[in-house]
Amino acid sequence: MPTKKIKVNKSNFADLLTESLSEALGHAQGKITLKSETLEIPKEPPNYAKTKIKKIRENKLKVSQPVFAMLLGCSASCVRSWERGENKPDGIARRLLQLIENNPEYFLEMISTN
C-alpha cells in the first residue's frame, strides 16, 4: 500500500504536529493501533584484509584493479592502497566487497541493469 505523502510548510506545521501528537497519545493509551513495518538491520559488514580484497577481485570477478575500481565506483589508486594495506575500505565499500564475495553474479547483474 503506497504511503501518503504530505508536504509540510509554515501554514500546516502546527496542525500536522497536533494531529501526530494526538495519534501518538491514542496509541500510548491503547485506543488506536498504528501501522508499522519491521526492518531487519543487517550486521555490520566484515573488515577485509589486503589479501582478501585481492582474492575477491582476482578470483570472484577476474578483473584488473582499474576495472574493479570502476565497478565499485572508486579510483584505481584507492583499490591499490587497499591491496597494499595502506588504507582500508569504508563501510559502503566493505558492504560491496561482502556482496561480491558472497554472490559475484548478482553483483554484476545488479550493476548492469542501469
N, C-alpha and C. Protein backbone atom coordinates (compact mmCIF):
# COMPACT_ATOMS: atom_id res chain seq x y z
N MET A 1 0.84 -1.17 0.00
CA MET A 1 0.00 0.00 0.00
C MET A 1 0.89 1.24 0.00
N PRO A 2 0.68 2.18 -0.96
CA PRO A 2 1.53 3.36 -1.02
C PRO A 2 1.36 4.25 0.21
N THR A 3 2.43 4.90 0.58
CA THR A 3 2.41 5.81 1.71
C THR A 3 1.92 7.17 1.26
N LYS A 4 1.05 7.78 2.04
CA LYS A 4 0.55 9.11 1.73
C LYS A 4 1.62 10.14 2.10
N LYS A 5 1.97 10.97 1.14
CA LYS A 5 2.98 12.00 1.40
C LYS A 5 2.29 13.34 1.56
N ILE A 6 2.67 14.04 2.59
CA ILE A 6 2.10 15.35 2.89
C ILE A 6 3.24 16.36 2.91
N LYS A 7 3.05 17.44 2.18
CA LYS A 7 4.05 18.50 2.18
C LYS A 7 3.85 19.36 3.43
N VAL A 8 4.92 19.52 4.19
CA VAL A 8 4.86 20.31 5.41
C VAL A 8 5.37 21.72 5.08
N ASN A 9 4.59 22.71 5.51
CA ASN A 9 5.01 24.10 5.33
C ASN A 9 4.60 24.90 6.57
N LYS A 10 4.89 26.17 6.55
CA LYS A 10 4.60 27.02 7.72
C LYS A 10 3.12 27.04 8.08
N SER A 11 2.27 27.00 7.08
CA SER A 11 0.84 27.14 7.36
C SER A 11 0.21 25.86 7.92
N ASN A 12 0.77 24.68 7.64
CA ASN A 12 0.14 23.45 8.15
C ASN A 12 0.96 22.73 9.22
N PHE A 13 2.12 23.26 9.56
CA PHE A 13 3.00 22.59 10.51
C PHE A 13 2.33 22.34 11.85
N ALA A 14 1.72 23.36 12.42
CA ALA A 14 1.10 23.22 13.75
C ALA A 14 -0.02 22.19 13.73
N ASP A 15 -0.85 22.20 12.69
CA ASP A 15 -1.95 21.23 12.59
C ASP A 15 -1.42 19.80 12.46
N LEU A 16 -0.39 19.62 11.63
CA LEU A 16 0.19 18.28 11.46
C LEU A 16 0.85 17.79 12.74
N LEU A 17 1.52 18.67 13.44
CA LEU A 17 2.15 18.31 14.70
C LEU A 17 1.09 17.92 15.73
N THR A 18 0.02 18.69 15.82
CA THR A 18 -1.07 18.38 16.75
C THR A 18 -1.69 17.04 16.42
N GLU A 19 -1.93 16.78 15.12
CA GLU A 19 -2.50 15.51 14.69
C GLU A 19 -1.58 14.34 15.04
N SER A 20 -0.29 14.52 14.81
CA SER A 20 0.69 13.46 15.11
C SER A 20 0.75 13.18 16.61
N LEU A 21 0.74 14.22 17.41
CA LEU A 21 0.76 14.04 18.86
C LEU A 21 -0.50 13.35 19.35
N SER A 22 -1.63 13.68 18.74
CA SER A 22 -2.89 13.05 19.09
C SER A 22 -2.85 11.55 18.77
N GLU A 23 -2.29 11.20 17.61
CA GLU A 23 -2.14 9.78 17.24
C GLU A 23 -1.21 9.06 18.22
N ALA A 24 -0.11 9.69 18.56
CA ALA A 24 0.83 9.08 19.49
C ALA A 24 0.19 8.85 20.85
N LEU A 25 -0.57 9.82 21.32
CA LEU A 25 -1.26 9.68 22.61
C LEU A 25 -2.31 8.57 22.54
N GLY A 26 -3.08 8.53 21.47
CA GLY A 26 -4.07 7.47 21.29
C GLY A 26 -3.44 6.10 21.26
N HIS A 27 -2.30 6.00 20.62
CA HIS A 27 -1.58 4.72 20.58
C HIS A 27 -1.07 4.35 21.98
N ALA A 28 -0.49 5.31 22.68
CA ALA A 28 0.02 5.04 24.03
C ALA A 28 -1.09 4.62 24.98
N GLN A 29 -2.29 5.13 24.77
CA GLN A 29 -3.42 4.78 25.62
C GLN A 29 -4.13 3.51 25.16
N GLY A 30 -3.67 2.93 24.05
CA GLY A 30 -4.27 1.70 23.55
C GLY A 30 -5.56 1.91 22.78
N LYS A 31 -5.86 3.14 22.41
CA LYS A 31 -7.10 3.45 21.69
C LYS A 31 -6.99 3.23 20.19
N ILE A 32 -5.78 3.36 19.66
CA ILE A 32 -5.58 3.13 18.23
C ILE A 32 -4.34 2.27 18.01
N THR A 33 -4.34 1.56 16.91
CA THR A 33 -3.18 0.75 16.52
C THR A 33 -2.53 1.42 15.31
N LEU A 34 -1.28 1.73 15.43
CA LEU A 34 -0.56 2.36 14.33
C LEU A 34 -0.04 1.29 13.38
N LYS A 35 -0.03 1.62 12.10
CA LYS A 35 0.56 0.71 11.12
C LYS A 35 2.07 0.81 11.27
N SER A 36 2.72 -0.33 11.17
CA SER A 36 4.17 -0.31 11.27
C SER A 36 4.75 -1.40 10.39
N GLU A 37 6.00 -1.25 10.08
CA GLU A 37 6.75 -2.24 9.33
C GLU A 37 8.01 -2.55 10.09
N THR A 38 8.45 -3.78 9.98
CA THR A 38 9.67 -4.19 10.64
C THR A 38 10.77 -4.31 9.61
N LEU A 39 11.87 -3.71 9.89
CA LEU A 39 13.03 -3.78 9.01
C LEU A 39 14.15 -4.45 9.77
N GLU A 40 14.63 -5.53 9.23
CA GLU A 40 15.74 -6.23 9.87
C GLU A 40 17.04 -5.54 9.47
N ILE A 41 17.76 -5.05 10.45
CA ILE A 41 19.02 -4.35 10.20
C ILE A 41 20.14 -5.39 10.10
N PRO A 42 20.84 -5.42 8.97
CA PRO A 42 21.91 -6.42 8.83
C PRO A 42 23.10 -6.08 9.73
N LYS A 43 23.87 -7.11 10.02
CA LYS A 43 25.10 -6.90 10.79
C LYS A 43 26.05 -6.03 9.99
N GLU A 44 26.96 -5.40 10.70
CA GLU A 44 27.98 -4.58 10.04
C GLU A 44 28.80 -5.46 9.10
N PRO A 45 29.16 -4.96 7.92
CA PRO A 45 29.96 -5.79 7.02
C PRO A 45 31.33 -6.08 7.62
N PRO A 46 31.92 -7.20 7.24
CA PRO A 46 33.22 -7.57 7.81
C PRO A 46 34.33 -6.64 7.34
N ASN A 47 35.42 -6.64 8.07
CA ASN A 47 36.63 -5.96 7.63
C ASN A 47 37.36 -6.89 6.67
N TYR A 48 38.01 -6.31 5.69
CA TYR A 48 38.71 -7.11 4.69
C TYR A 48 40.19 -6.78 4.71
N ALA A 49 41.01 -7.82 4.84
CA ALA A 49 42.47 -7.68 4.77
C ALA A 49 42.87 -7.48 3.31
N LYS A 50 44.05 -6.94 3.11
CA LYS A 50 44.51 -6.65 1.75
C LYS A 50 44.53 -7.89 0.86
N THR A 51 44.93 -9.03 1.41
CA THR A 51 44.98 -10.26 0.61
C THR A 51 43.58 -10.74 0.22
N LYS A 52 42.63 -10.55 1.11
CA LYS A 52 41.24 -10.96 0.84
C LYS A 52 40.63 -10.08 -0.27
N ILE A 53 40.92 -8.80 -0.25
CA ILE A 53 40.41 -7.89 -1.28
C ILE A 53 40.95 -8.31 -2.65
N LYS A 54 42.23 -8.60 -2.70
CA LYS A 54 42.85 -9.02 -3.96
C LYS A 54 42.25 -10.34 -4.44
N LYS A 55 42.01 -11.28 -3.54
CA LYS A 55 41.40 -12.56 -3.92
C LYS A 55 39.98 -12.35 -4.45
N ILE A 56 39.23 -11.47 -3.83
CA ILE A 56 37.87 -11.18 -4.32
C ILE A 56 37.94 -10.62 -5.73
N ARG A 57 38.84 -9.68 -5.93
CA ARG A 57 38.98 -9.06 -7.26
C ARG A 57 39.42 -10.07 -8.31
N GLU A 58 40.46 -10.83 -7.99
CA GLU A 58 41.03 -11.76 -8.97
C GLU A 58 40.20 -13.04 -9.15
N ASN A 59 39.70 -13.60 -8.06
CA ASN A 59 39.03 -14.90 -8.15
C ASN A 59 37.53 -14.82 -8.38
N LYS A 60 36.89 -13.81 -7.83
CA LYS A 60 35.43 -13.70 -7.96
C LYS A 60 35.02 -12.96 -9.22
N LEU A 61 35.70 -11.84 -9.51
CA LEU A 61 35.33 -11.05 -10.69
C LEU A 61 36.31 -11.19 -11.85
N LYS A 62 37.54 -11.60 -11.53
CA LYS A 62 38.57 -11.80 -12.55
C LYS A 62 38.81 -10.52 -13.38
N VAL A 63 39.04 -9.43 -12.66
CA VAL A 63 39.25 -8.13 -13.31
C VAL A 63 40.51 -7.46 -12.78
N SER A 64 40.98 -6.47 -13.53
CA SER A 64 42.13 -5.68 -13.10
C SER A 64 41.72 -4.68 -12.03
N GLN A 65 42.72 -4.07 -11.41
CA GLN A 65 42.43 -3.06 -10.40
C GLN A 65 41.62 -1.89 -10.96
N PRO A 66 41.97 -1.35 -12.14
CA PRO A 66 41.17 -0.25 -12.68
C PRO A 66 39.70 -0.64 -12.96
N VAL A 67 39.48 -1.84 -13.47
CA VAL A 67 38.11 -2.28 -13.74
C VAL A 67 37.37 -2.50 -12.42
N PHE A 68 38.04 -3.09 -11.45
CA PHE A 68 37.44 -3.31 -10.13
C PHE A 68 37.03 -1.97 -9.51
N ALA A 69 37.92 -1.00 -9.63
CA ALA A 69 37.63 0.34 -9.09
C ALA A 69 36.41 0.94 -9.78
N MET A 70 36.32 0.80 -11.09
CA MET A 70 35.19 1.33 -11.82
C MET A 70 33.89 0.66 -11.35
N LEU A 71 33.92 -0.66 -11.15
CA LEU A 71 32.73 -1.39 -10.70
C LEU A 71 32.29 -0.95 -9.30
N LEU A 72 33.27 -0.63 -8.45
CA LEU A 72 32.96 -0.20 -7.08
C LEU A 72 32.66 1.29 -6.97
N GLY A 73 32.97 2.03 -8.04
CA GLY A 73 32.74 3.48 -8.00
C GLY A 73 33.80 4.23 -7.24
N CYS A 74 35.02 3.74 -7.29
CA CYS A 74 36.14 4.44 -6.63
C CYS A 74 37.30 4.52 -7.62
N SER A 75 38.41 5.06 -7.20
CA SER A 75 39.57 5.20 -8.08
C SER A 75 40.46 3.96 -8.02
N ALA A 76 41.24 3.78 -9.08
CA ALA A 76 42.19 2.66 -9.11
C ALA A 76 43.23 2.83 -8.01
N SER A 77 43.60 4.05 -7.69
CA SER A 77 44.58 4.28 -6.61
C SER A 77 43.99 3.86 -5.27
N CYS A 78 42.68 4.01 -5.11
CA CYS A 78 42.01 3.57 -3.88
C CYS A 78 42.13 2.05 -3.74
N VAL A 79 41.84 1.33 -4.81
CA VAL A 79 41.94 -0.14 -4.78
C VAL A 79 43.38 -0.55 -4.53
N ARG A 80 44.33 0.11 -5.20
CA ARG A 80 45.76 -0.21 -4.97
C ARG A 80 46.13 -0.02 -3.51
N SER A 81 45.65 1.06 -2.90
CA SER A 81 46.01 1.32 -1.50
C SER A 81 45.39 0.28 -0.57
N TRP A 82 44.20 -0.24 -0.91
CA TRP A 82 43.61 -1.32 -0.11
C TRP A 82 44.45 -2.58 -0.22
N GLU A 83 44.83 -2.91 -1.45
CA GLU A 83 45.58 -4.15 -1.68
C GLU A 83 47.01 -4.08 -1.15
N ARG A 84 47.53 -2.90 -0.96
CA ARG A 84 48.86 -2.73 -0.35
C ARG A 84 48.76 -2.65 1.18
N GLY A 85 47.55 -2.50 1.68
CA GLY A 85 47.36 -2.37 3.11
C GLY A 85 47.59 -0.97 3.64
N GLU A 86 47.66 0.01 2.74
CA GLU A 86 47.88 1.40 3.14
C GLU A 86 46.59 2.04 3.67
N ASN A 87 45.47 1.63 3.13
CA ASN A 87 44.16 2.12 3.57
C ASN A 87 43.21 0.93 3.67
N LYS A 88 42.08 1.17 4.33
CA LYS A 88 41.07 0.12 4.45
C LYS A 88 39.76 0.63 3.87
N PRO A 89 38.98 -0.27 3.26
CA PRO A 89 37.69 0.15 2.71
C PRO A 89 36.75 0.64 3.81
N ASP A 90 35.92 1.63 3.46
CA ASP A 90 34.93 2.14 4.42
C ASP A 90 33.72 1.22 4.43
N GLY A 91 32.70 1.58 5.19
CA GLY A 91 31.53 0.72 5.36
C GLY A 91 30.82 0.37 4.08
N ILE A 92 30.63 1.35 3.19
CA ILE A 92 29.94 1.10 1.94
C ILE A 92 30.76 0.17 1.06
N ALA A 93 32.04 0.43 0.95
CA ALA A 93 32.91 -0.44 0.15
C ALA A 93 32.98 -1.84 0.74
N ARG A 94 33.01 -1.94 2.06
CA ARG A 94 33.02 -3.26 2.71
C ARG A 94 31.73 -4.02 2.41
N ARG A 95 30.59 -3.32 2.38
CA ARG A 95 29.33 -3.97 2.06
C ARG A 95 29.36 -4.48 0.62
N LEU A 96 29.91 -3.68 -0.32
CA LEU A 96 30.03 -4.13 -1.70
C LEU A 96 30.97 -5.33 -1.82
N LEU A 97 32.08 -5.29 -1.10
CA LEU A 97 33.01 -6.42 -1.11
C LEU A 97 32.32 -7.68 -0.58
N GLN A 98 31.51 -7.53 0.45
CA GLN A 98 30.76 -8.65 1.01
C GLN A 98 29.79 -9.22 -0.03
N LEU A 99 29.10 -8.34 -0.72
CA LEU A 99 28.17 -8.77 -1.75
C LEU A 99 28.90 -9.52 -2.87
N ILE A 100 30.02 -8.98 -3.31
CA ILE A 100 30.80 -9.62 -4.38
C ILE A 100 31.32 -10.97 -3.90
N GLU A 101 31.84 -11.00 -2.69
CA GLU A 101 32.38 -12.26 -2.15
C GLU A 101 31.31 -13.34 -2.09
N ASN A 102 30.10 -12.97 -1.65
CA ASN A 102 29.04 -13.95 -1.47
C ASN A 102 28.28 -14.29 -2.74
N ASN A 103 28.18 -13.33 -3.65
CA ASN A 103 27.38 -13.55 -4.85
C ASN A 103 27.84 -12.65 -5.99
N PRO A 104 28.99 -12.95 -6.59
CA PRO A 104 29.52 -12.08 -7.64
C PRO A 104 28.59 -11.94 -8.85
N GLU A 105 27.87 -13.02 -9.18
CA GLU A 105 26.95 -12.96 -10.32
C GLU A 105 25.84 -11.93 -10.08
N TYR A 106 25.30 -11.95 -8.87
CA TYR A 106 24.25 -10.99 -8.53
C TYR A 106 24.78 -9.57 -8.59
N PHE A 107 25.98 -9.35 -8.07
CA PHE A 107 26.58 -8.02 -8.09
C PHE A 107 26.71 -7.52 -9.53
N LEU A 108 27.24 -8.37 -10.42
CA LEU A 108 27.41 -7.96 -11.81
C LEU A 108 26.07 -7.71 -12.49
N GLU A 109 25.10 -8.53 -12.18
CA GLU A 109 23.75 -8.35 -12.74
C GLU A 109 23.15 -7.03 -12.25
N MET A 110 23.34 -6.77 -10.95
CA MET A 110 22.78 -5.57 -10.34
C MET A 110 23.35 -4.31 -10.98
N ILE A 111 24.64 -4.25 -11.21
CA ILE A 111 25.24 -3.03 -11.75
C ILE A 111 25.03 -2.90 -13.26
N SER A 112 24.69 -4.00 -13.93
CA SER A 112 24.50 -3.91 -15.38
C SER A 112 23.06 -3.59 -15.77
N THR A 113 22.14 -3.51 -14.79
CA THR A 113 20.75 -3.24 -15.11
C THR A 113 20.44 -1.76 -15.20
N ASN A 114 21.41 -0.90 -15.04
CA ASN A 114 21.16 0.56 -15.12
C ASN A 114 21.10 1.01 -16.55
